[in-house]
Amino acid sequence: MSRLRSGTNRAALLGAAVALLGAGAVLASATDGVRERLPSGWPRLGADRVWLDGRDLGRWRDQGWWTPLVIAALSVGVLLFLGWAVAQLRSGRVRELPLGQPDVTLSGAALAAAMTERARAIEGVADARVRLRGGSRRLRAHITLVLLPGSSPETVLELLARHTVAEARAATAPRELTADVRLRARSHKSRRLR
């Protein structure tokens, strides 16, 4: 699913880039300074060329279907763009995971909350946050840990892998679960005396 979404996004971006580059090249070739610098074999637009003059535009507007068609096409384009944008914002978030038996599922938010609590319980961790992404075959846990001053990152990572991530892998089997861990250190706060 994520490969399909990634391929669709790349194809949409490539199509938009080609359309914008083409439109920019056509408009730039109509400019006097740019037109003079183009190679002799390239097509050139005249400086007096207009895409749709007042008479042609009036003729199109006289057709009863023209205005509703333009409004409908623009509306569909805007709705498709908004739908794509919402899908990108919501994409990858794990909602529910089927657990192998009919009608038995695990909430992705509940699994992320359980992993967060287990990570916070590790000695040397001040705070933790877990976000789950993925599809039906692979899951990815994005784990952010804030370490207490003086704690050992190696020890924290070992305990995280041995307990929190291992338990999550057992809960989500047979799906693959990979973990990306980001460590931050809590800074020493010095108190000021007056």
Protein backbone atom coordinates (compact mmCIF):
# COMPACT_ATOMS: atom_id res chain seq x y z
CA MET A 1 0.00 0.00 0.00
CA SER A 2 2.77 2.45 0.89
CA ARG A 3 4.63 1.61 -2.34
CA LEU A 4 1.47 2.26 -4.35
CA ARG A 5 0.93 5.56 -2.53
CA SER A 6 4.57 6.52 -3.02
CA GLY A 7 4.39 5.68 -6.74
CA THR A 8 1.16 7.63 -7.13
CA ASN A 9 2.67 10.64 -5.37
CA ARG A 10 5.74 10.54 -7.57
CA ALA A 11 3.66 10.23 -10.73
CA ALA A 12 1.46 13.16 -9.66
CA LEU A 13 4.48 15.30 -8.83
CA LEU A 14 6.15 14.40 -12.12
CA GLY A 15 2.99 15.27 -14.08
CA ALA A 16 2.63 18.59 -12.26
CA ALA A 17 6.31 19.39 -12.83
CA VAL A 18 6.09 18.64 -16.56
CA ALA A 19 2.92 20.74 -16.90
CA LEU A 20 4.42 23.67 -14.99
CA LEU A 21 7.71 23.50 -16.89
CA GLY A 22 5.86 23.36 -20.20
CA ALA A 23 3.64 26.29 -19.29
CA GLY A 24 6.62 28.27 -18.04
CA ALA A 25 8.57 27.57 -21.23
CA VAL A 26 5.66 28.66 -23.41
CA LEU A 27 5.13 31.84 -21.43
CA ALA A 28 8.84 32.59 -21.29
CA SER A 29 9.21 32.16 -25.03
CA ALA A 30 6.61 34.89 -25.55
CA THR A 31 8.77 37.39 -23.65
CA ASP A 32 10.97 39.59 -25.82
CA GLY A 33 14.23 39.09 -23.89
CA VAL A 34 13.85 35.33 -23.70
CA ARG A 35 12.67 34.93 -27.31
CA GLU A 36 15.89 36.52 -28.60
CA ARG A 37 18.08 34.07 -26.65
CA LEU A 38 16.34 30.89 -27.84
CA PRO A 39 18.09 28.73 -30.43
CA SER A 40 16.96 29.35 -34.00
CA GLY A 41 15.23 25.96 -34.37
CA TRP A 42 12.95 26.38 -31.36
CA PRO A 43 9.34 27.36 -31.92
CA ARG A 44 8.60 30.97 -31.04
CA LEU A 45 5.39 32.62 -30.05
CA GLY A 46 4.69 36.04 -31.41
CA ALA A 47 4.74 38.95 -28.97
CA ASP A 48 1.24 39.93 -30.06
CA ARG A 49 -0.22 36.45 -29.56
CA VAL A 50 -3.06 36.05 -27.10
CA TRP A 51 -4.53 32.74 -26.08
CA LEU A 52 -8.13 33.92 -26.09
CA ASP A 53 -9.11 37.39 -27.26
CA GLY A 54 -12.28 39.20 -26.22
CA ARG A 55 -14.27 38.10 -29.27
CA ASP A 56 -13.40 34.39 -28.83
CA LEU A 57 -14.05 34.55 -25.11
CA GLY A 58 -17.44 36.17 -25.74
CA ARG A 59 -18.30 33.42 -28.21
CA TRP A 60 -17.43 30.74 -25.64
CA ARG A 61 -19.45 32.52 -22.94
CA ASP A 62 -22.48 32.63 -25.23
CA GLN A 63 -22.57 28.84 -25.16
CA GLY A 64 -24.83 27.74 -22.31
CA TRP A 65 -22.59 24.91 -21.23
CA TRP A 66 -19.27 26.83 -21.09
CA THR A 67 -19.50 28.58 -17.71
CA PRO A 68 -20.93 25.60 -15.76
CA LEU A 69 -18.33 23.32 -17.35
CA VAL A 70 -15.44 25.57 -16.34
CA ILE A 71 -16.79 25.94 -12.79
CA ALA A 72 -17.41 22.17 -12.51
CA ALA A 73 -13.93 21.30 -13.83
CA LEU A 74 -12.23 23.70 -11.44
CA SER A 75 -14.36 22.45 -8.54
CA VAL A 76 -13.49 18.82 -9.31
CA GLY A 77 -9.80 19.77 -9.51
CA VAL A 78 -9.92 21.51 -6.14
CA LEU A 79 -11.82 18.61 -4.53
CA LEU A 80 -9.34 16.06 -5.92
CA PHE A 81 -6.44 18.13 -4.58
CA LEU A 82 -8.07 18.46 -1.14
CA GLY A 83 -8.81 14.72 -1.04
CA TRP A 84 -5.21 13.94 -1.93
CA ALA A 85 -3.92 16.39 0.72
CA VAL A 86 -6.15 14.85 3.43
CA ALA A 87 -5.04 11.36 2.38
CA GLN A 88 -1.40 12.43 2.73
CA LEU A 89 -2.01 13.79 6.22
CA ARG A 90 -3.82 10.65 7.32
CA SER A 91 -1.72 8.18 5.35
CA GLY A 92 0.25 5.54 7.09
CA ARG A 93 -1.39 5.94 10.47
CA VAL A 94 -2.21 2.55 11.93
CA ARG A 95 -5.87 2.42 12.91
CA GLU A 96 -6.55 -1.24 13.67
CA LEU A 97 -4.52 -4.41 13.37
CA PRO A 98 -6.28 -7.75 12.82
CA LEU A 99 -4.90 -10.33 15.25
CA GLY A 100 -5.45 -13.56 13.33
CA GLN A 101 -8.91 -14.42 14.62
CA PRO A 102 -12.13 -13.14 13.07
CA ASP A 103 -13.39 -9.90 14.59
CA VAL A 104 -10.36 -9.55 16.89
CA THR A 105 -8.38 -6.38 16.33
CA LEU A 106 -5.82 -4.29 18.16
CA SER A 107 -6.11 -0.53 18.07
CA GLY A 108 -3.01 1.15 16.70
CA ALA A 109 -3.43 4.01 19.18
CA ALA A 110 -3.63 1.53 22.08
CA LEU A 111 -0.46 -0.23 20.94
CA ALA A 112 1.36 3.10 20.60
CA ALA A 113 0.16 4.16 24.07
CA ALA A 114 1.31 0.84 25.58
CA MET A 115 4.71 1.16 23.92
CA THR A 116 4.98 4.75 25.18
CA GLU A 117 4.24 3.68 28.76
CA ARG A 118 6.73 0.80 28.57
CA ALA A 119 9.41 3.13 27.16
CA ARG A 120 8.78 5.71 29.89
CA ALA A 121 9.25 3.00 32.53
CA ILE A 122 12.83 2.35 31.40
CA GLU A 123 15.38 3.65 33.88
CA GLY A 124 17.05 6.79 32.56
CA VAL A 125 14.13 7.87 30.35
CA ALA A 126 12.45 11.16 31.26
CA ASP A 127 9.82 11.09 28.51
CA ALA A 128 8.87 9.01 25.48
CA ARG A 129 6.62 9.27 22.46
CA VAL A 130 5.71 6.49 20.01
CA ARG A 131 4.00 6.87 16.64
CA LEU A 132 3.07 3.84 14.54
CA ARG A 133 3.00 3.91 10.74
CA GLY A 134 2.56 1.20 8.19
CA GLY A 135 0.20 -1.16 6.48
CA SER A 136 -1.01 -4.72 6.60
CA ARG A 137 2.45 -6.33 6.28
CA ARG A 138 4.97 -3.96 7.80
CA LEU A 139 4.84 -1.60 10.73
CA ARG A 140 7.28 1.10 11.69
CA ALA A 141 7.48 2.53 15.19
CA HIS A 142 8.92 6.04 15.45
CA ILE A 143 10.13 6.30 19.03
CA THR A 144 11.42 9.53 20.58
CA LEU A 145 13.11 9.22 23.96
CA VAL A 146 14.19 12.08 26.21
CA LEU A 147 17.00 10.84 28.42
CA LEU A 148 17.76 12.03 31.92
CA PRO A 149 21.17 13.62 32.50
CA GLY A 150 23.78 10.98 33.24
CA SER A 151 21.84 8.05 31.78
CA SER A 152 23.57 5.65 29.41
CA PRO A 153 22.12 5.67 25.86
CA GLU A 154 23.46 2.14 25.21
CA THR A 155 21.68 0.75 28.27
CA VAL A 156 18.45 2.55 27.42
CA LEU A 157 18.51 1.28 23.83
CA GLU A 158 19.24 -2.27 24.96
CA LEU A 159 16.32 -2.24 27.41
CA LEU A 160 14.06 -0.64 24.82
CA ALA A 161 14.89 -3.33 22.25
CA ARG A 162 14.70 -6.21 24.72
CA HIS A 163 11.39 -5.22 26.35
CA THR A 164 9.31 -2.59 24.58
CA VAL A 165 10.07 -3.42 20.95
CA ALA A 166 10.18 -7.19 21.51
CA GLU A 167 6.77 -7.15 23.20
CA ALA A 168 5.32 -5.04 20.39
CA ARG A 169 6.75 -7.45 17.80
CA ALA A 170 5.13 -10.36 19.61
CA ALA A 171 1.79 -8.50 19.70
CA THR A 172 1.84 -7.60 16.01
CA ALA A 173 3.15 -10.92 14.64
CA PRO A 174 3.23 -12.03 11.84
CA ARG A 175 3.77 -8.43 10.69
CA GLU A 176 7.28 -7.07 10.62
CA LEU A 177 7.90 -4.28 13.11
CA THR A 178 10.91 -2.02 12.73
CA ALA A 179 11.75 0.75 15.15
CA ASP A 180 13.34 4.11 14.46
CA VAL A 181 14.62 5.61 17.70
CA ARG A 182 15.55 9.23 18.26
CA LEU A 183 17.35 10.09 21.48
CA ARG A 184 17.44 13.51 23.08
CA ALA A 185 19.04 14.51 26.35
CA ARG A 186 17.24 16.59 28.92
CA SER A 187 19.37 19.58 29.73
CA HIS A 188 20.45 20.49 33.23
CA LYS A 189 18.38 23.39 34.46
CA SER A 190 20.38 25.62 36.70
CA ARG A 191 18.45 27.56 39.30
CA ARG A 192 19.20 31.23 39.73
CA LEU A 193 19.41 32.65 43.18
CA ARG A 194 18.75 36.29 43.86
